[in-house]
Amino acid sequence: MFVLIVGAGRVGSAVAKSALAAGHEVSVLDEDPLSHERLDAGQTQSWEDSGGQFTVGTALETDALVQAGIERADAFIASTAGDNTNLVIAQLAQKRFGVEKTIVRVMDPARADWYGEQGMQTISPTKHAIEMFERTLAGGGE
């Protein structure tokens, strides 16, 4: 499976390393060339020597997405620091490039719910933390 991940922060780089280790073909797109260091961190060889691809570019630019391999992506993960960017590029991946398996990180729980209702697979760390807190309180915490 060819996986395209946009955003090489902590989340994106961790998912990229995991996917590559699982035998998938992985391409990462990030606008910061220094974010590549996260992909190399803790590895015995460089990201590229391990079989990964890294592209420097802005995900809102179609040319950068194409250069990173979106036209052949089987899965797409939007994990930049910006909800708006993640939501727009995930919609591009789905609607323009036909990538069926898309995952979008959305920090705002209300937006995550709304986009989830529209058919997008969203992950909201904020929503998850709130739900865990509420379960903890319901479990007898004072």
N, C-alpha and C. Protein backbone atom coordinates (compact mmCIF):
# COMPACT_ATOMS: atom_id res chain seq x y z
N MET A 1 0.84 -1.17 0.00
CA MET A 1 0.00 0.00 0.00
C MET A 1 0.89 1.24 0.00
N PHE A 2 0.53 2.22 -0.82
CA PHE A 2 1.26 3.48 -0.87
C PHE A 2 0.53 4.50 0.00
N VAL A 3 1.24 5.02 0.99
CA VAL A 3 0.66 5.95 1.96
C VAL A 3 1.33 7.31 1.82
N LEU A 4 0.51 8.35 1.70
CA LEU A 4 1.02 9.72 1.67
C LEU A 4 0.60 10.40 2.97
N ILE A 5 1.59 10.92 3.67
CA ILE A 5 1.36 11.62 4.94
C ILE A 5 1.81 13.05 4.78
N VAL A 6 0.91 13.98 5.09
CA VAL A 6 1.26 15.39 5.04
C VAL A 6 1.44 15.89 6.46
N GLY A 7 2.63 16.38 6.73
CA GLY A 7 2.99 16.86 8.06
C GLY A 7 3.95 15.89 8.71
N ALA A 8 5.17 16.34 8.94
CA ALA A 8 6.20 15.47 9.53
C ALA A 8 6.49 15.89 10.96
N GLY A 9 5.47 16.31 11.67
CA GLY A 9 5.63 16.60 13.10
C GLY A 9 5.67 15.30 13.87
N ARG A 10 5.38 15.37 15.16
CA ARG A 10 5.43 14.16 15.99
C ARG A 10 4.46 13.10 15.49
N VAL A 11 3.23 13.50 15.18
CA VAL A 11 2.23 12.52 14.74
C VAL A 11 2.58 11.96 13.37
N GLY A 12 2.78 12.83 12.41
CA GLY A 12 3.07 12.37 11.06
C GLY A 12 4.30 11.51 10.96
N SER A 13 5.37 11.91 11.63
CA SER A 13 6.61 11.12 11.54
C SER A 13 6.46 9.78 12.25
N ALA A 14 5.73 9.73 13.36
CA ALA A 14 5.53 8.46 14.06
C ALA A 14 4.70 7.50 13.21
N VAL A 15 3.65 8.01 12.57
CA VAL A 15 2.82 7.17 11.70
C VAL A 15 3.64 6.72 10.49
N ALA A 16 4.42 7.63 9.94
CA ALA A 16 5.24 7.29 8.77
C ALA A 16 6.23 6.17 9.09
N LYS A 17 6.91 6.28 10.22
CA LYS A 17 7.87 5.24 10.61
C LYS A 17 7.18 3.91 10.83
N SER A 18 6.03 3.94 11.45
CA SER A 18 5.26 2.72 11.72
C SER A 18 4.81 2.07 10.41
N ALA A 19 4.30 2.88 9.48
CA ALA A 19 3.83 2.36 8.20
C ALA A 19 4.98 1.76 7.39
N LEU A 20 6.12 2.44 7.39
CA LEU A 20 7.28 1.94 6.66
C LEU A 20 7.77 0.62 7.27
N ALA A 21 7.81 0.56 8.60
CA ALA A 21 8.23 -0.67 9.29
C ALA A 21 7.27 -1.83 9.01
N ALA A 22 6.00 -1.50 8.75
CA ALA A 22 5.00 -2.53 8.45
C ALA A 22 5.06 -2.99 6.99
N GLY A 23 5.98 -2.40 6.22
CA GLY A 23 6.17 -2.84 4.85
C GLY A 23 5.45 -2.02 3.79
N HIS A 24 4.85 -0.90 4.20
CA HIS A 24 4.16 -0.05 3.24
C HIS A 24 5.15 0.90 2.57
N GLU A 25 4.77 1.38 1.41
CA GLU A 25 5.52 2.43 0.73
C GLU A 25 5.02 3.75 1.30
N VAL A 26 5.94 4.60 1.77
CA VAL A 26 5.50 5.81 2.47
C VAL A 26 6.19 7.04 1.91
N SER A 27 5.36 8.05 1.66
CA SER A 27 5.84 9.35 1.22
C SER A 27 5.36 10.39 2.23
N VAL A 28 6.25 11.29 2.61
CA VAL A 28 5.90 12.36 3.55
C VAL A 28 6.13 13.70 2.87
N LEU A 29 5.14 14.59 3.03
CA LEU A 29 5.22 15.94 2.48
C LEU A 29 5.18 16.93 3.64
N ASP A 30 6.13 17.85 3.67
CA ASP A 30 6.15 18.89 4.69
C ASP A 30 6.81 20.13 4.10
N GLU A 31 6.36 21.30 4.55
CA GLU A 31 6.94 22.53 4.01
C GLU A 31 8.26 22.90 4.68
N ASP A 32 8.58 22.27 5.80
CA ASP A 32 9.82 22.56 6.53
C ASP A 32 10.85 21.48 6.23
N PRO A 33 11.93 21.82 5.52
CA PRO A 33 12.94 20.81 5.19
C PRO A 33 13.59 20.21 6.44
N LEU A 34 13.61 20.94 7.54
CA LEU A 34 14.22 20.41 8.76
C LEU A 34 13.37 19.35 9.44
N SER A 35 12.09 19.29 9.09
CA SER A 35 11.22 18.28 9.70
C SER A 35 11.65 16.87 9.31
N HIS A 36 12.43 16.78 8.26
CA HIS A 36 12.99 15.49 7.82
C HIS A 36 13.77 14.82 8.94
N GLU A 37 14.36 15.62 9.82
CA GLU A 37 15.16 15.07 10.93
C GLU A 37 14.34 14.15 11.82
N ARG A 38 13.05 14.41 11.97
CA ARG A 38 12.19 13.54 12.79
C ARG A 38 12.08 12.15 12.18
N LEU A 39 12.11 12.08 10.86
CA LEU A 39 12.02 10.78 10.18
C LEU A 39 13.30 9.97 10.36
N ASP A 40 14.43 10.65 10.47
CA ASP A 40 15.71 9.96 10.66
C ASP A 40 15.99 9.64 12.13
N ALA A 41 15.39 10.36 13.04
CA ALA A 41 15.68 10.21 14.48
C ALA A 41 15.43 8.78 14.96
N GLY A 42 16.42 8.24 15.63
CA GLY A 42 16.31 6.91 16.22
C GLY A 42 16.41 5.77 15.23
N GLN A 43 16.73 6.07 13.99
CA GLN A 43 16.82 5.03 12.97
C GLN A 43 18.28 4.68 12.70
N THR A 44 18.53 3.46 12.24
CA THR A 44 19.90 3.03 11.94
C THR A 44 20.36 3.52 10.58
N GLN A 45 19.40 3.87 9.72
CA GLN A 45 19.75 4.44 8.41
C GLN A 45 18.78 5.58 8.09
N SER A 46 19.11 6.34 7.08
CA SER A 46 18.28 7.51 6.75
C SER A 46 16.90 7.06 6.28
N TRP A 47 15.96 8.01 6.32
CA TRP A 47 14.59 7.76 5.87
C TRP A 47 14.58 7.22 4.44
N GLU A 48 15.33 7.87 3.56
CA GLU A 48 15.37 7.45 2.17
C GLU A 48 16.05 6.10 2.01
N ASP A 49 17.13 5.86 2.75
CA ASP A 49 17.80 4.56 2.66
C ASP A 49 16.91 3.43 3.17
N SER A 50 15.96 3.77 4.02
CA SER A 50 14.99 2.78 4.52
C SER A 50 13.87 2.55 3.53
N GLY A 51 13.81 3.38 2.49
CA GLY A 51 12.78 3.22 1.47
C GLY A 51 11.71 4.30 1.47
N GLY A 52 11.80 5.25 2.40
CA GLY A 52 10.82 6.33 2.47
C GLY A 52 11.11 7.44 1.47
N GLN A 53 10.11 8.23 1.21
CA GLN A 53 10.23 9.39 0.32
C GLN A 53 9.89 10.62 1.13
N PHE A 54 10.60 11.71 0.90
CA PHE A 54 10.32 12.98 1.57
C PHE A 54 10.30 14.08 0.53
N THR A 55 9.24 14.88 0.56
CA THR A 55 9.09 15.99 -0.38
C THR A 55 8.89 17.27 0.41
N VAL A 56 9.63 18.30 0.03
CA VAL A 56 9.44 19.62 0.64
C VAL A 56 8.47 20.38 -0.24
N GLY A 57 7.38 20.85 0.39
CA GLY A 57 6.39 21.60 -0.35
C GLY A 57 5.19 21.93 0.51
N THR A 58 4.34 22.79 -0.02
CA THR A 58 3.13 23.21 0.68
C THR A 58 1.97 22.34 0.21
N ALA A 59 1.31 21.68 1.15
CA ALA A 59 0.26 20.72 0.82
C ALA A 59 -0.95 21.35 0.15
N LEU A 60 -1.14 22.64 0.30
CA LEU A 60 -2.26 23.30 -0.36
C LEU A 60 -1.98 23.55 -1.83
N GLU A 61 -0.78 23.24 -2.27
CA GLU A 61 -0.42 23.39 -3.68
C GLU A 61 -0.48 22.02 -4.34
N THR A 62 -1.31 21.91 -5.34
CA THR A 62 -1.52 20.64 -6.02
C THR A 62 -0.22 20.05 -6.55
N ASP A 63 0.67 20.89 -7.07
CA ASP A 63 1.95 20.39 -7.60
C ASP A 63 2.75 19.65 -6.54
N ALA A 64 2.75 20.16 -5.31
CA ALA A 64 3.48 19.50 -4.22
C ALA A 64 2.86 18.15 -3.90
N LEU A 65 1.53 18.09 -3.87
CA LEU A 65 0.85 16.81 -3.61
C LEU A 65 1.17 15.80 -4.71
N VAL A 66 1.16 16.25 -5.95
CA VAL A 66 1.47 15.36 -7.07
C VAL A 66 2.92 14.88 -6.97
N GLN A 67 3.84 15.79 -6.68
CA GLN A 67 5.25 15.42 -6.55
C GLN A 67 5.44 14.39 -5.43
N ALA A 68 4.66 14.50 -4.37
CA ALA A 68 4.76 13.56 -3.25
C ALA A 68 4.07 12.23 -3.54
N GLY A 69 3.29 12.16 -4.62
CA GLY A 69 2.72 10.89 -5.05
C GLY A 69 1.24 10.70 -4.80
N ILE A 70 0.48 11.76 -4.62
CA ILE A 70 -0.94 11.62 -4.31
C ILE A 70 -1.72 10.87 -5.39
N GLU A 71 -1.28 10.96 -6.62
CA GLU A 71 -2.02 10.31 -7.72
C GLU A 71 -2.00 8.79 -7.61
N ARG A 72 -1.08 8.25 -6.85
CA ARG A 72 -1.04 6.79 -6.68
C ARG A 72 -1.25 6.36 -5.24
N ALA A 73 -1.68 7.31 -4.39
CA ALA A 73 -1.87 7.00 -2.97
C ALA A 73 -3.06 6.08 -2.74
N ASP A 74 -2.85 5.07 -1.92
CA ASP A 74 -3.92 4.20 -1.47
C ASP A 74 -4.51 4.72 -0.16
N ALA A 75 -3.70 5.45 0.57
CA ALA A 75 -4.13 6.04 1.84
C ALA A 75 -3.49 7.41 1.99
N PHE A 76 -4.20 8.31 2.67
CA PHE A 76 -3.74 9.68 2.85
C PHE A 76 -4.00 10.10 4.29
N ILE A 77 -2.99 10.68 4.91
CA ILE A 77 -3.13 11.15 6.29
C ILE A 77 -2.72 12.61 6.34
N ALA A 78 -3.64 13.46 6.83
CA ALA A 78 -3.38 14.88 6.99
C ALA A 78 -3.08 15.14 8.46
N SER A 79 -1.83 15.47 8.76
CA SER A 79 -1.43 15.64 10.16
C SER A 79 -0.60 16.90 10.37
N THR A 80 -0.96 17.97 9.69
CA THR A 80 -0.25 19.23 9.92
C THR A 80 -0.76 19.84 11.22
N ALA A 81 -0.20 20.96 11.60
CA ALA A 81 -0.62 21.63 12.84
C ALA A 81 -1.91 22.42 12.66
N GLY A 82 -2.41 22.54 11.44
CA GLY A 82 -3.58 23.38 11.19
C GLY A 82 -4.82 22.60 10.78
N ASP A 83 -5.89 22.76 11.52
CA ASP A 83 -7.15 22.09 11.18
C ASP A 83 -7.62 22.44 9.78
N ASN A 84 -7.61 23.73 9.44
CA ASN A 84 -8.09 24.15 8.12
C ASN A 84 -7.30 23.49 7.01
N THR A 85 -6.00 23.49 7.13
CA THR A 85 -5.15 22.86 6.12
C THR A 85 -5.47 21.37 6.02
N ASN A 86 -5.55 20.70 7.17
CA ASN A 86 -5.83 19.27 7.16
C ASN A 86 -7.16 18.94 6.49
N LEU A 87 -8.18 19.71 6.82
CA LEU A 87 -9.50 19.44 6.26
C LEU A 87 -9.54 19.70 4.76
N VAL A 88 -8.92 20.77 4.31
CA VAL A 88 -8.91 21.08 2.88
C VAL A 88 -8.13 20.04 2.09
N ILE A 89 -6.95 19.68 2.56
CA ILE A 89 -6.14 18.73 1.78
C ILE A 89 -6.73 17.32 1.81
N ALA A 90 -7.41 16.96 2.89
CA ALA A 90 -8.07 15.65 2.93
C ALA A 90 -9.22 15.62 1.93
N GLN A 91 -9.95 16.73 1.82
CA GLN A 91 -11.02 16.80 0.83
C GLN A 91 -10.46 16.75 -0.59
N LEU A 92 -9.32 17.42 -0.81
CA LEU A 92 -8.66 17.33 -2.12
C LEU A 92 -8.28 15.89 -2.44
N ALA A 93 -7.70 15.23 -1.45
CA ALA A 93 -7.28 13.84 -1.65
C ALA A 93 -8.47 12.97 -2.03
N GLN A 94 -9.58 13.14 -1.32
CA GLN A 94 -10.77 12.33 -1.59
C GLN A 94 -11.45 12.69 -2.91
N LYS A 95 -11.76 13.96 -3.06
CA LYS A 95 -12.62 14.38 -4.17
C LYS A 95 -11.88 14.57 -5.48
N ARG A 96 -10.71 15.16 -5.43
CA ARG A 96 -9.99 15.43 -6.69
C ARG A 96 -9.13 14.26 -7.13
N PHE A 97 -8.50 13.59 -6.13
CA PHE A 97 -7.57 12.53 -6.50
C PHE A 97 -8.12 11.13 -6.24
N GLY A 98 -9.31 11.02 -5.68
CA GLY A 98 -9.96 9.73 -5.51
C GLY A 98 -9.35 8.81 -4.48
N VAL A 99 -8.65 9.37 -3.49
CA VAL A 99 -8.07 8.54 -2.42
C VAL A 99 -9.19 8.20 -1.44
N GLU A 100 -9.54 6.93 -1.38
CA GLU A 100 -10.67 6.52 -0.54
C GLU A 100 -10.34 6.49 0.94
N LYS A 101 -9.14 6.08 1.27
CA LYS A 101 -8.76 5.96 2.67
C LYS A 101 -8.03 7.22 3.11
N THR A 102 -8.76 8.13 3.75
CA THR A 102 -8.15 9.35 4.25
C THR A 102 -8.42 9.49 5.73
N ILE A 103 -7.42 9.97 6.43
CA ILE A 103 -7.53 10.23 7.86
C ILE A 103 -7.10 11.66 8.09
N VAL A 104 -7.89 12.38 8.90
CA VAL A 104 -7.62 13.80 9.13
C VAL A 104 -7.53 14.08 10.62
N ARG A 105 -6.43 14.70 11.03
CA ARG A 105 -6.30 15.12 12.42
C ARG A 105 -6.93 16.49 12.57
N VAL A 106 -7.90 16.58 13.50
CA VAL A 106 -8.62 17.82 13.74
C VAL A 106 -8.62 18.08 15.24
N MET A 107 -8.04 19.19 15.65
CA MET A 107 -7.96 19.49 17.08
C MET A 107 -9.30 19.94 17.66
N ASP A 108 -10.10 20.63 16.89
CA ASP A 108 -11.39 21.15 17.35
C ASP A 108 -12.43 20.03 17.33
N PRO A 109 -12.92 19.59 18.51
CA PRO A 109 -13.86 18.46 18.56
C PRO A 109 -15.15 18.69 17.78
N ALA A 110 -15.69 19.91 17.81
CA ALA A 110 -16.93 20.19 17.09
C ALA A 110 -16.74 20.03 15.59
N ARG A 111 -15.62 20.51 15.09
CA ARG A 111 -15.34 20.38 13.66
C ARG A 111 -15.09 18.92 13.30
N ALA A 112 -14.40 18.21 14.18
CA ALA A 112 -14.15 16.79 13.93
C ALA A 112 -15.47 16.04 13.81
N ASP A 113 -16.40 16.34 14.70
CA ASP A 113 -17.72 15.69 14.64
C ASP A 113 -18.43 16.02 13.34
N TRP A 114 -18.46 17.30 12.98
CA TRP A 114 -19.17 17.72 11.78
C TRP A 114 -18.58 17.07 10.53
N TYR A 115 -17.26 17.11 10.40
CA TYR A 115 -16.64 16.51 9.22
C TYR A 115 -16.78 15.00 9.24
N GLY A 116 -16.78 14.40 10.43
CA GLY A 116 -17.04 12.97 10.54
C GLY A 116 -18.42 12.62 10.02
N GLU A 117 -19.41 13.47 10.32
CA GLU A 117 -20.77 13.27 9.82
C GLU A 117 -20.85 13.42 8.30
N GLN A 118 -19.90 14.14 7.72
CA GLN A 118 -19.85 14.32 6.27
C GLN A 118 -19.10 13.18 5.59
N GLY A 119 -18.64 12.21 6.35
CA GLY A 119 -17.98 11.04 5.77
C GLY A 119 -16.47 11.02 5.86
N MET A 120 -15.88 12.01 6.52
CA MET A 120 -14.42 12.00 6.66
C MET A 120 -14.03 11.25 7.91
N GLN A 121 -12.95 10.51 7.84
CA GLN A 121 -12.44 9.81 9.01
C GLN A 121 -11.54 10.79 9.77
N THR A 122 -12.02 11.24 10.92
CA THR A 122 -11.29 12.24 11.69
C THR A 122 -10.75 11.65 12.98
N ILE A 123 -9.64 12.22 13.41
CA ILE A 123 -9.06 11.91 14.71
C ILE A 123 -8.90 13.23 15.43
N SER A 124 -9.46 13.31 16.64
CA SER A 124 -9.36 14.54 17.42
C SER A 124 -8.76 14.24 18.79
N PRO A 125 -7.47 14.54 18.96
CA PRO A 125 -6.84 14.32 20.27
C PRO A 125 -7.56 15.09 21.38
N THR A 126 -8.05 16.27 21.06
CA THR A 126 -8.77 17.07 22.06
C THR A 126 -10.05 16.35 22.48
N LYS A 127 -10.81 15.88 21.52
CA LYS A 127 -12.04 15.16 21.81
C LYS A 127 -11.74 13.91 22.63
N HIS A 128 -10.70 13.20 22.26
CA HIS A 128 -10.31 11.98 22.97
C HIS A 128 -9.96 12.29 24.43
N ALA A 129 -9.22 13.36 24.65
CA ALA A 129 -8.85 13.75 26.01
C ALA A 129 -10.08 14.11 26.84
N ILE A 130 -11.02 14.83 26.23
CA ILE A 130 -12.26 15.20 26.93
C ILE A 130 -13.05 13.94 27.30
N GLU A 131 -13.17 13.02 26.36
CA GLU A 131 -13.91 11.78 26.63
C GLU A 131 -13.26 10.96 27.73
N MET A 132 -11.94 10.89 27.73
CA MET A 132 -11.22 10.16 28.78
C MET A 132 -11.44 10.82 30.14
N PHE A 133 -11.39 12.14 30.17
CA PHE A 133 -11.62 12.88 31.41
C PHE A 133 -13.03 12.61 31.93
N GLU A 134 -14.00 12.66 31.05
CA GLU A 134 -15.39 12.43 31.46
C GLU A 134 -15.60 11.01 31.96
N ARG A 135 -14.96 10.03 31.31
CA ARG A 135 -15.06 8.65 31.79
C ARG A 135 -14.41 8.48 33.16
N THR A 136 -13.30 9.19 33.37
CA THR A 136 -12.61 9.12 34.65
C THR A 136 -13.51 9.69 35.75
N LEU A 137 -14.15 10.81 35.47
CA LEU A 137 -15.06 11.42 36.46
C LEU A 137 -16.25 10.51 36.73
N ALA A 138 -16.78 9.91 35.68
CA ALA A 138 -17.96 9.04 35.83
C ALA A 138 -17.63 7.76 36.60
N GLY A 139 -16.33 7.42 36.58
CA GLY A 139 -15.90 6.20 37.26
C GLY A 139 -15.69 6.34 38.74
N GLY A 140 -16.10 7.47 39.32
CA GLY A 140 -16.00 7.61 40.77
C GLY A 140 -14.99 8.63 41.22
N GLY A 141 -14.30 9.28 40.28
CA GLY A 141 -13.34 10.31 40.70
C GLY A 141 -14.05 11.50 41.30
N GLU A 142 -13.45 12.14 42.26
CA GLU A 142 -14.10 13.30 42.90
C GLU A 142 -13.47 14.59 42.48
